[in-house]
Amino acid sequence: MTGPTQSYPDIQPVAISRNLLVATFREARASFPAECCGWLTGPRTDNAATEIHPCVNDQDSGNHPTVADRTAERAYVFSARDLLELNRTLDDDCPPLIIYHSHPNGQAYFSSTDRQVAASPWGDGPAYPVQQLVVGIDERQVVEAALFAWSDEEAGFVEIARFEGADI
């Protein structure tokens, strides 16, 4: 892991082991050229992700709340079943800690659409109490990944960690 571009002392990145990060990279490769999506869970008592939960990208059904006209190669939306499971597990002992998705253009950034969907519809914080991981993948490799979290100070999502890619 490399550090963030700016320090946010009030935000602690969820720890992601290289093995778990590579598992998300493999999900991105399996979905390419479509975006992959899912979440990482971990014990409520720790600040470390321990398990991956891949989801179905249901974008091609047209159910995306803001960009229904895009294909799965340019957006993602959890299937209804996955969304219900995400919400059901928020109070578990090993809740979702990170929602992840990929960008098949090779860039790990939190787009304006990503920000809009991840924020509360009331504009007062994140929609879910999780951090957001974006995996940048292209035809040849996973280029990079970046982790984002809500900052009350910035009233929006900020980059808190950056990760090296892999030849996957």
N, C-alpha and C. Protein backbone atom coordinates (compact mmCIF):
# COMPACT_ATOMS: atom_id res chain seq x y z
N MET A 1 0.85 -1.17 0.00
CA MET A 1 0.00 0.00 0.00
C MET A 1 0.89 1.23 0.00
N THR A 2 0.54 2.16 -0.83
CA THR A 2 1.19 3.46 -0.77
C THR A 2 0.24 4.41 -0.08
N GLY A 3 0.74 5.51 0.38
CA GLY A 3 -0.07 6.44 1.17
C GLY A 3 -1.02 7.27 0.33
N PRO A 4 -1.93 7.96 1.00
CA PRO A 4 -2.86 8.86 0.31
C PRO A 4 -2.14 10.12 -0.15
N THR A 5 -2.78 10.85 -1.03
CA THR A 5 -2.19 12.09 -1.51
C THR A 5 -2.26 13.18 -0.45
N GLN A 6 -3.20 13.06 0.48
CA GLN A 6 -3.34 14.02 1.58
C GLN A 6 -3.69 13.23 2.83
N SER A 7 -3.25 13.70 3.98
CA SER A 7 -3.50 13.00 5.23
C SER A 7 -4.83 13.43 5.85
N TYR A 8 -5.58 12.45 6.34
CA TYR A 8 -6.82 12.70 7.06
C TYR A 8 -6.73 11.94 8.38
N PRO A 9 -6.17 12.58 9.42
CA PRO A 9 -5.91 11.87 10.68
C PRO A 9 -7.15 11.28 11.34
N ASP A 10 -8.33 11.82 11.03
CA ASP A 10 -9.55 11.32 11.65
C ASP A 10 -10.10 10.08 10.93
N ILE A 11 -9.47 9.68 9.82
CA ILE A 11 -9.95 8.53 9.05
C ILE A 11 -8.86 7.47 9.01
N GLN A 12 -9.20 6.28 9.47
CA GLN A 12 -8.28 5.15 9.45
C GLN A 12 -8.69 4.20 8.31
N PRO A 13 -7.82 3.99 7.31
CA PRO A 13 -8.17 3.04 6.25
C PRO A 13 -8.39 1.64 6.80
N VAL A 14 -9.40 0.96 6.30
CA VAL A 14 -9.59 -0.45 6.62
C VAL A 14 -8.39 -1.20 6.05
N ALA A 15 -7.79 -2.06 6.84
CA ALA A 15 -6.65 -2.85 6.37
C ALA A 15 -7.14 -3.92 5.40
N ILE A 16 -6.44 -4.04 4.28
CA ILE A 16 -6.75 -5.06 3.27
C ILE A 16 -5.46 -5.82 3.00
N SER A 17 -5.46 -7.13 3.28
CA SER A 17 -4.26 -7.92 3.01
C SER A 17 -4.03 -7.97 1.50
N ARG A 18 -2.80 -8.20 1.11
CA ARG A 18 -2.49 -8.30 -0.32
C ARG A 18 -3.28 -9.45 -0.95
N ASN A 19 -3.45 -10.57 -0.22
CA ASN A 19 -4.22 -11.70 -0.76
C ASN A 19 -5.67 -11.32 -1.04
N LEU A 20 -6.28 -10.57 -0.13
CA LEU A 20 -7.66 -10.15 -0.33
C LEU A 20 -7.75 -9.11 -1.45
N LEU A 21 -6.78 -8.23 -1.51
CA LEU A 21 -6.74 -7.25 -2.59
C LEU A 21 -6.62 -7.97 -3.94
N VAL A 22 -5.76 -8.97 -4.02
CA VAL A 22 -5.61 -9.75 -5.26
C VAL A 22 -6.92 -10.47 -5.60
N ALA A 23 -7.66 -10.91 -4.60
CA ALA A 23 -8.97 -11.53 -4.86
C ALA A 23 -9.91 -10.54 -5.54
N THR A 24 -9.88 -9.27 -5.12
CA THR A 24 -10.72 -8.27 -5.80
C THR A 24 -10.20 -8.03 -7.21
N PHE A 25 -8.88 -8.06 -7.38
CA PHE A 25 -8.30 -7.91 -8.72
C PHE A 25 -8.78 -9.05 -9.64
N ARG A 26 -8.83 -10.26 -9.11
CA ARG A 26 -9.29 -11.40 -9.91
C ARG A 26 -10.77 -11.25 -10.29
N GLU A 27 -11.56 -10.71 -9.38
CA GLU A 27 -12.96 -10.43 -9.70
C GLU A 27 -13.06 -9.40 -10.82
N ALA A 28 -12.21 -8.38 -10.76
CA ALA A 28 -12.20 -7.37 -11.82
C ALA A 28 -11.82 -7.99 -13.15
N ARG A 29 -10.83 -8.89 -13.14
CA ARG A 29 -10.41 -9.55 -14.38
C ARG A 29 -11.52 -10.44 -14.92
N ALA A 30 -12.18 -11.19 -14.05
CA ALA A 30 -13.25 -12.09 -14.49
C ALA A 30 -14.42 -11.32 -15.09
N SER A 31 -14.66 -10.11 -14.63
CA SER A 31 -15.78 -9.30 -15.13
C SER A 31 -15.41 -8.47 -16.35
N PHE A 32 -14.13 -8.21 -16.54
CA PHE A 32 -13.67 -7.32 -17.61
C PHE A 32 -14.22 -7.77 -18.95
N PRO A 33 -14.74 -6.89 -19.80
CA PRO A 33 -14.64 -5.44 -19.73
C PRO A 33 -15.75 -4.76 -18.93
N ALA A 34 -16.64 -5.54 -18.32
CA ALA A 34 -17.67 -4.94 -17.46
C ALA A 34 -17.04 -4.60 -16.10
N GLU A 35 -17.70 -3.73 -15.37
CA GLU A 35 -17.27 -3.41 -14.01
C GLU A 35 -17.70 -4.54 -13.09
N CYS A 36 -16.82 -4.90 -12.17
CA CYS A 36 -17.19 -5.85 -11.12
C CYS A 36 -17.69 -5.05 -9.92
N CYS A 37 -18.31 -5.73 -8.97
CA CYS A 37 -18.74 -5.07 -7.74
C CYS A 37 -18.94 -6.10 -6.66
N GLY A 38 -18.89 -5.62 -5.43
CA GLY A 38 -19.08 -6.49 -4.28
C GLY A 38 -18.67 -5.76 -3.02
N TRP A 39 -18.44 -6.51 -1.96
CA TRP A 39 -18.00 -5.90 -0.72
C TRP A 39 -17.04 -6.82 0.02
N LEU A 40 -16.30 -6.21 0.93
CA LEU A 40 -15.37 -6.92 1.81
C LEU A 40 -15.89 -6.80 3.23
N THR A 41 -15.87 -7.90 3.96
CA THR A 41 -16.32 -7.91 5.35
C THR A 41 -15.15 -8.11 6.29
N GLY A 42 -15.39 -7.86 7.55
CA GLY A 42 -14.40 -8.09 8.58
C GLY A 42 -15.05 -7.99 9.94
N PRO A 43 -14.36 -8.51 10.97
CA PRO A 43 -14.92 -8.44 12.33
C PRO A 43 -15.20 -7.00 12.76
N ARG A 44 -16.31 -6.82 13.39
CA ARG A 44 -16.71 -5.48 13.87
C ARG A 44 -15.67 -4.92 14.83
N THR A 45 -14.96 -5.80 15.55
CA THR A 45 -13.99 -5.36 16.55
C THR A 45 -12.64 -4.96 15.95
N ASP A 46 -12.41 -5.28 14.69
CA ASP A 46 -11.14 -4.95 14.02
C ASP A 46 -11.39 -3.91 12.95
N ASN A 47 -10.33 -3.41 12.40
CA ASN A 47 -10.43 -2.51 11.26
C ASN A 47 -9.71 -3.16 10.08
N ALA A 48 -10.07 -4.44 9.84
CA ALA A 48 -9.41 -5.21 8.78
C ALA A 48 -10.43 -6.06 8.04
N ALA A 49 -10.38 -6.00 6.73
CA ALA A 49 -11.24 -6.83 5.89
C ALA A 49 -10.66 -8.24 5.85
N THR A 50 -11.54 -9.24 5.89
CA THR A 50 -11.09 -10.63 5.92
C THR A 50 -11.74 -11.51 4.87
N GLU A 51 -12.82 -11.05 4.25
CA GLU A 51 -13.54 -11.91 3.32
C GLU A 51 -14.15 -11.08 2.19
N ILE A 52 -14.19 -11.68 1.00
CA ILE A 52 -14.76 -11.02 -0.17
C ILE A 52 -16.14 -11.60 -0.48
N HIS A 53 -17.05 -10.72 -0.88
CA HIS A 53 -18.40 -11.11 -1.28
C HIS A 53 -18.69 -10.51 -2.65
N PRO A 54 -18.34 -11.24 -3.71
CA PRO A 54 -18.61 -10.72 -5.06
C PRO A 54 -20.12 -10.62 -5.30
N CYS A 55 -20.52 -9.65 -6.10
CA CYS A 55 -21.93 -9.43 -6.41
C CYS A 55 -22.15 -9.47 -7.91
N VAL A 56 -23.40 -9.54 -8.29
CA VAL A 56 -23.80 -9.46 -9.68
C VAL A 56 -23.93 -8.00 -10.06
N ASN A 57 -23.26 -7.60 -11.14
CA ASN A 57 -23.45 -6.25 -11.67
C ASN A 57 -24.69 -6.29 -12.55
N ASP A 58 -25.77 -5.72 -12.05
CA ASP A 58 -27.07 -5.76 -12.71
C ASP A 58 -27.32 -4.50 -13.55
N GLN A 59 -26.25 -3.80 -13.89
CA GLN A 59 -26.37 -2.53 -14.62
C GLN A 59 -27.14 -2.67 -15.93
N ASP A 60 -26.92 -3.74 -16.66
CA ASP A 60 -27.58 -3.88 -17.97
C ASP A 60 -29.09 -4.04 -17.86
N SER A 61 -29.61 -4.25 -16.65
CA SER A 61 -31.06 -4.32 -16.46
C SER A 61 -31.70 -2.93 -16.49
N GLY A 62 -30.86 -1.87 -16.40
CA GLY A 62 -31.39 -0.51 -16.40
C GLY A 62 -31.86 -0.04 -15.04
N ASN A 63 -31.43 -0.72 -13.98
CA ASN A 63 -31.89 -0.37 -12.63
C ASN A 63 -30.99 0.59 -11.89
N HIS A 64 -30.00 1.17 -12.53
CA HIS A 64 -29.09 2.09 -11.84
C HIS A 64 -29.86 3.36 -11.46
N PRO A 65 -29.67 3.86 -10.23
CA PRO A 65 -30.47 5.00 -9.78
C PRO A 65 -30.15 6.32 -10.48
N THR A 66 -28.97 6.43 -11.09
CA THR A 66 -28.63 7.72 -11.72
C THR A 66 -28.19 7.60 -13.18
N VAL A 67 -27.69 6.44 -13.60
CA VAL A 67 -27.19 6.30 -14.97
C VAL A 67 -27.72 5.03 -15.63
N ALA A 68 -29.03 4.91 -15.72
CA ALA A 68 -29.65 3.71 -16.27
C ALA A 68 -29.28 3.48 -17.72
N ASP A 69 -28.87 4.52 -18.45
CA ASP A 69 -28.56 4.38 -19.87
C ASP A 69 -27.16 3.84 -20.13
N ARG A 70 -26.31 3.73 -19.13
CA ARG A 70 -24.96 3.20 -19.34
C ARG A 70 -24.99 1.67 -19.30
N THR A 71 -23.99 1.07 -19.95
CA THR A 71 -23.86 -0.39 -19.91
C THR A 71 -23.02 -0.79 -18.70
N ALA A 72 -22.91 -2.08 -18.47
CA ALA A 72 -22.11 -2.61 -17.36
C ALA A 72 -20.62 -2.34 -17.56
N GLU A 73 -20.23 -1.92 -18.73
CA GLU A 73 -18.83 -1.56 -18.98
C GLU A 73 -18.53 -0.14 -18.48
N ARG A 74 -19.56 0.60 -18.10
CA ARG A 74 -19.34 1.98 -17.65
C ARG A 74 -20.01 2.31 -16.32
N ALA A 75 -20.67 1.32 -15.71
CA ALA A 75 -21.33 1.56 -14.42
C ALA A 75 -21.65 0.22 -13.78
N TYR A 76 -22.00 0.29 -12.51
CA TYR A 76 -22.42 -0.93 -11.82
C TYR A 76 -23.59 -0.60 -10.90
N VAL A 77 -24.38 -1.62 -10.65
CA VAL A 77 -25.43 -1.56 -9.65
C VAL A 77 -25.59 -2.98 -9.11
N PHE A 78 -25.66 -3.11 -7.79
CA PHE A 78 -25.87 -4.43 -7.18
C PHE A 78 -27.22 -4.97 -7.61
N SER A 79 -27.30 -6.28 -7.76
CA SER A 79 -28.60 -6.91 -8.00
C SER A 79 -29.47 -6.68 -6.76
N ALA A 80 -30.77 -6.81 -6.93
CA ALA A 80 -31.68 -6.63 -5.79
C ALA A 80 -31.35 -7.60 -4.67
N ARG A 81 -31.05 -8.83 -5.03
CA ARG A 81 -30.70 -9.84 -4.03
C ARG A 81 -29.45 -9.44 -3.24
N ASP A 82 -28.40 -8.98 -3.98
CA ASP A 82 -27.17 -8.56 -3.32
C ASP A 82 -27.39 -7.33 -2.44
N LEU A 83 -28.19 -6.40 -2.90
CA LEU A 83 -28.46 -5.20 -2.12
C LEU A 83 -29.18 -5.54 -0.82
N LEU A 84 -30.13 -6.45 -0.88
CA LEU A 84 -30.82 -6.91 0.33
C LEU A 84 -29.85 -7.59 1.29
N GLU A 85 -28.93 -8.41 0.74
CA GLU A 85 -27.94 -9.10 1.57
C GLU A 85 -26.99 -8.09 2.23
N LEU A 86 -26.55 -7.10 1.47
CA LEU A 86 -25.68 -6.06 2.02
C LEU A 86 -26.37 -5.40 3.22
N ASN A 87 -27.60 -4.99 3.04
CA ASN A 87 -28.34 -4.33 4.12
C ASN A 87 -28.59 -5.26 5.30
N ARG A 88 -28.88 -6.53 5.02
CA ARG A 88 -29.14 -7.49 6.09
C ARG A 88 -27.90 -7.72 6.95
N THR A 89 -26.71 -7.65 6.35
CA THR A 89 -25.49 -7.99 7.08
C THR A 89 -24.83 -6.79 7.77
N LEU A 90 -25.37 -5.60 7.64
CA LEU A 90 -24.76 -4.43 8.26
C LEU A 90 -24.65 -4.54 9.78
N ASP A 91 -25.54 -5.30 10.40
CA ASP A 91 -25.51 -5.45 11.86
C ASP A 91 -24.87 -6.76 12.32
N ASP A 92 -24.30 -7.54 11.39
CA ASP A 92 -23.65 -8.80 11.75
C ASP A 92 -22.35 -8.55 12.52
N ASP A 93 -21.80 -9.61 13.08
CA ASP A 93 -20.50 -9.52 13.75
C ASP A 93 -19.37 -9.25 12.77
N CYS A 94 -19.56 -9.67 11.51
CA CYS A 94 -18.59 -9.39 10.42
C CYS A 94 -19.31 -8.62 9.32
N PRO A 95 -19.53 -7.33 9.54
CA PRO A 95 -20.31 -6.54 8.58
C PRO A 95 -19.49 -6.13 7.37
N PRO A 96 -20.15 -5.62 6.34
CA PRO A 96 -19.43 -5.01 5.23
C PRO A 96 -18.59 -3.83 5.74
N LEU A 97 -17.33 -3.78 5.33
CA LEU A 97 -16.44 -2.68 5.69
C LEU A 97 -16.07 -1.84 4.47
N ILE A 98 -16.09 -2.49 3.30
CA ILE A 98 -15.69 -1.83 2.04
C ILE A 98 -16.60 -2.31 0.93
N ILE A 99 -17.11 -1.38 0.13
CA ILE A 99 -17.75 -1.73 -1.13
C ILE A 99 -16.70 -1.51 -2.21
N TYR A 100 -16.58 -2.47 -3.14
CA TYR A 100 -15.60 -2.32 -4.20
C TYR A 100 -16.26 -2.39 -5.57
N HIS A 101 -15.61 -1.78 -6.53
CA HIS A 101 -15.99 -1.94 -7.94
C HIS A 101 -14.76 -1.62 -8.79
N SER A 102 -14.85 -1.95 -10.06
CA SER A 102 -13.71 -1.72 -10.95
C SER A 102 -14.04 -0.67 -12.00
N HIS A 103 -12.98 -0.08 -12.53
CA HIS A 103 -13.06 0.82 -13.68
C HIS A 103 -12.24 0.18 -14.80
N PRO A 104 -12.90 -0.28 -15.86
CA PRO A 104 -12.19 -0.95 -16.95
C PRO A 104 -11.37 0.00 -17.84
N ASN A 105 -11.23 1.25 -17.44
CA ASN A 105 -10.37 2.18 -18.18
C ASN A 105 -8.98 2.25 -17.57
N GLY A 106 -8.72 1.42 -16.57
CA GLY A 106 -7.40 1.35 -15.95
C GLY A 106 -7.13 2.39 -14.88
N GLN A 107 -8.14 3.18 -14.51
CA GLN A 107 -7.93 4.26 -13.55
C GLN A 107 -8.75 4.04 -12.27
N ALA A 108 -8.09 4.24 -11.14
CA ALA A 108 -8.74 4.10 -9.84
C ALA A 108 -9.04 5.48 -9.29
N TYR A 109 -10.24 5.97 -9.55
CA TYR A 109 -10.69 7.27 -9.07
C TYR A 109 -12.15 7.13 -8.66
N PHE A 110 -12.63 8.04 -7.85
CA PHE A 110 -14.02 8.02 -7.41
C PHE A 110 -14.77 9.04 -8.24
N SER A 111 -15.47 8.57 -9.25
CA SER A 111 -16.13 9.46 -10.20
C SER A 111 -17.28 10.23 -9.56
N SER A 112 -17.77 11.20 -10.28
CA SER A 112 -18.91 11.97 -9.76
C SER A 112 -20.13 11.07 -9.58
N THR A 113 -20.32 10.10 -10.48
CA THR A 113 -21.42 9.15 -10.32
C THR A 113 -21.18 8.27 -9.10
N ASP A 114 -19.94 7.79 -8.92
CA ASP A 114 -19.62 6.99 -7.74
C ASP A 114 -19.94 7.78 -6.47
N ARG A 115 -19.54 9.04 -6.45
CA ARG A 115 -19.78 9.88 -5.28
C ARG A 115 -21.28 10.08 -5.02
N GLN A 116 -22.01 10.29 -6.08
CA GLN A 116 -23.45 10.51 -5.95
C GLN A 116 -24.15 9.27 -5.40
N VAL A 117 -23.81 8.11 -5.93
CA VAL A 117 -24.46 6.87 -5.51
C VAL A 117 -24.04 6.47 -4.09
N ALA A 118 -22.78 6.75 -3.72
CA ALA A 118 -22.28 6.34 -2.40
C ALA A 118 -22.71 7.29 -1.28
N ALA A 119 -23.22 8.45 -1.64
CA ALA A 119 -23.64 9.43 -0.63
C ALA A 119 -25.11 9.24 -0.26
N SER A 120 -25.42 9.64 0.93
CA SER A 120 -26.81 9.62 1.40
C SER A 120 -27.65 10.49 0.48
N PRO A 121 -28.86 10.07 0.16
CA PRO A 121 -29.71 10.91 -0.68
C PRO A 121 -30.06 12.25 -0.03
N TRP A 122 -29.85 12.36 1.28
CA TRP A 122 -30.11 13.60 1.99
C TRP A 122 -28.87 14.49 2.05
N GLY A 123 -27.76 13.99 1.50
CA GLY A 123 -26.55 14.80 1.42
C GLY A 123 -25.83 15.01 2.74
N ASP A 124 -26.09 14.14 3.70
CA ASP A 124 -25.52 14.34 5.04
C ASP A 124 -24.48 13.30 5.43
N GLY A 125 -23.91 12.60 4.47
CA GLY A 125 -22.91 11.58 4.76
C GLY A 125 -22.98 10.46 3.76
N PRO A 126 -22.29 9.37 4.07
CA PRO A 126 -22.31 8.22 3.16
C PRO A 126 -23.62 7.45 3.26
N ALA A 127 -24.00 6.79 2.17
CA ALA A 127 -25.21 5.98 2.17
C ALA A 127 -25.06 4.76 3.07
N TYR A 128 -23.83 4.22 3.14
CA TYR A 128 -23.53 3.05 3.97
C TYR A 128 -22.29 3.35 4.80
N PRO A 129 -22.18 2.74 5.98
CA PRO A 129 -21.01 2.98 6.84
C PRO A 129 -19.81 2.14 6.41
N VAL A 130 -19.37 2.36 5.18
CA VAL A 130 -18.27 1.59 4.60
C VAL A 130 -17.32 2.52 3.86
N GLN A 131 -16.12 2.02 3.60
CA GLN A 131 -15.19 2.70 2.70
C GLN A 131 -15.42 2.15 1.30
N GLN A 132 -14.82 2.80 0.31
CA GLN A 132 -15.05 2.45 -1.09
C GLN A 132 -13.71 2.17 -1.77
N LEU A 133 -13.60 0.99 -2.39
CA LEU A 133 -12.39 0.60 -3.10
C LEU A 133 -12.68 0.59 -4.60
N VAL A 134 -11.82 1.25 -5.37
CA VAL A 134 -11.96 1.26 -6.82
C VAL A 134 -10.71 0.61 -7.40
N VAL A 135 -10.92 -0.37 -8.28
CA VAL A 135 -9.84 -1.10 -8.94
C VAL A 135 -9.76 -0.64 -10.39
N GLY A 136 -8.62 -0.10 -10.79
CA GLY A 136 -8.41 0.31 -12.18
C GLY A 136 -7.77 -0.82 -12.95
N ILE A 137 -8.48 -1.33 -13.96
CA ILE A 137 -8.01 -2.47 -14.73
C ILE A 137 -8.12 -2.15 -16.22
N ASP A 138 -7.19 -2.67 -17.01
CA ASP A 138 -7.28 -2.53 -18.46
C ASP A 138 -7.10 -3.90 -19.10
N GLU A 139 -6.89 -3.93 -20.42
CA GLU A 139 -6.79 -5.19 -21.15
C GLU A 139 -5.62 -6.06 -20.67
N ARG A 140 -4.58 -5.44 -20.17
CA ARG A 140 -3.35 -6.15 -19.84
C ARG A 140 -3.16 -6.46 -18.36
N GLN A 141 -3.62 -5.57 -17.48
CA GLN A 141 -3.28 -5.72 -16.06
C GLN A 141 -4.21 -4.90 -15.18
N VAL A 142 -4.13 -5.18 -13.90
CA VAL A 142 -4.72 -4.28 -12.92
C VAL A 142 -3.69 -3.19 -12.71
N VAL A 143 -4.04 -1.97 -13.05
CA VAL A 143 -3.10 -0.85 -13.03
C VAL A 143 -2.89 -0.34 -11.61
N GLU A 144 -3.98 -0.17 -10.87
CA GLU A 144 -3.91 0.43 -9.54
C GLU A 144 -5.24 0.23 -8.83
N ALA A 145 -5.26 0.54 -7.55
CA ALA A 145 -6.50 0.55 -6.78
C ALA A 145 -6.40 1.69 -5.77
N ALA A 146 -7.54 2.23 -5.38
CA ALA A 146 -7.55 3.33 -4.42
C ALA A 146 -8.74 3.15 -3.48
N LEU A 147 -8.53 3.55 -2.24
CA LEU A 147 -9.55 3.45 -1.20
C LEU A 147 -10.03 4.85 -0.83
N PHE A 148 -11.33 5.00 -0.71
CA PHE A 148 -11.96 6.29 -0.42
C PHE A 148 -12.85 6.14 0.82
N ALA A 149 -12.98 7.24 1.55
CA ALA A 149 -13.84 7.26 2.73
C ALA A 149 -14.51 8.62 2.84
N TRP A 150 -15.61 8.64 3.57
CA TRP A 150 -16.31 9.89 3.81
C TRP A 150 -15.52 10.73 4.82
N SER A 151 -15.37 12.01 4.52
CA SER A 151 -14.74 12.94 5.44
C SER A 151 -15.75 14.01 5.82
N ASP A 152 -16.07 14.09 7.11
CA ASP A 152 -16.96 15.15 7.56
C ASP A 152 -16.32 16.51 7.33
N GLU A 153 -15.00 16.56 7.50
CA GLU A 153 -14.26 17.81 7.31
C GLU A 153 -14.40 18.33 5.88
N GLU A 154 -14.35 17.42 4.91
CA GLU A 154 -14.46 17.80 3.50
C GLU A 154 -15.90 17.73 2.98
N ALA A 155 -16.80 17.18 3.78
CA ALA A 155 -18.20 16.97 3.39
C ALA A 155 -18.29 16.19 2.08
N GLY A 156 -17.45 15.16 1.99
CA GLY A 156 -17.45 14.32 0.79
C GLY A 156 -16.43 13.21 0.93
N PHE A 157 -16.30 12.43 -0.14
CA PHE A 157 -15.36 11.31 -0.15
C PHE A 157 -13.97 11.79 -0.50
N VAL A 158 -12.98 11.22 0.19
CA VAL A 158 -11.57 11.56 -0.02
C VAL A 158 -10.78 10.27 -0.19
N GLU A 159 -9.68 10.38 -0.92
CA GLU A 159 -8.79 9.23 -1.08
C GLU A 159 -7.98 9.07 0.19
N ILE A 160 -7.94 7.84 0.72
CA ILE A 160 -7.21 7.59 1.96
C ILE A 160 -6.08 6.58 1.79
N ALA A 161 -6.06 5.85 0.69
CA ALA A 161 -4.97 4.89 0.45
C ALA A 161 -4.94 4.55 -1.03
N ARG A 162 -3.75 4.18 -1.49
CA ARG A 162 -3.55 3.79 -2.89
C ARG A 162 -2.74 2.51 -2.89
N PHE A 163 -3.06 1.59 -3.81
CA PHE A 163 -2.42 0.28 -3.86
C PHE A 163 -1.84 0.02 -5.25
N GLU A 164 -0.73 -0.69 -5.28
CA GLU A 164 -0.13 -1.11 -6.55
C GLU A 164 -1.02 -2.14 -7.20
N GLY A 165 -1.04 -2.16 -8.52
CA GLY A 165 -1.80 -3.14 -9.27
C GLY A 165 -1.07 -4.47 -9.34
N ALA A 166 -1.41 -5.27 -10.34
CA ALA A 166 -0.80 -6.59 -10.51
C ALA A 166 -1.03 -7.06 -11.94
N ASP A 167 -0.20 -7.97 -12.38
CA ASP A 167 -0.35 -8.55 -13.72
C ASP A 167 -1.40 -9.64 -13.68
N ILE A 168 -2.64 -9.20 -13.62
CA ILE A 168 -3.79 -10.13 -13.56
C ILE A 168 -4.72 -9.78 -14.71
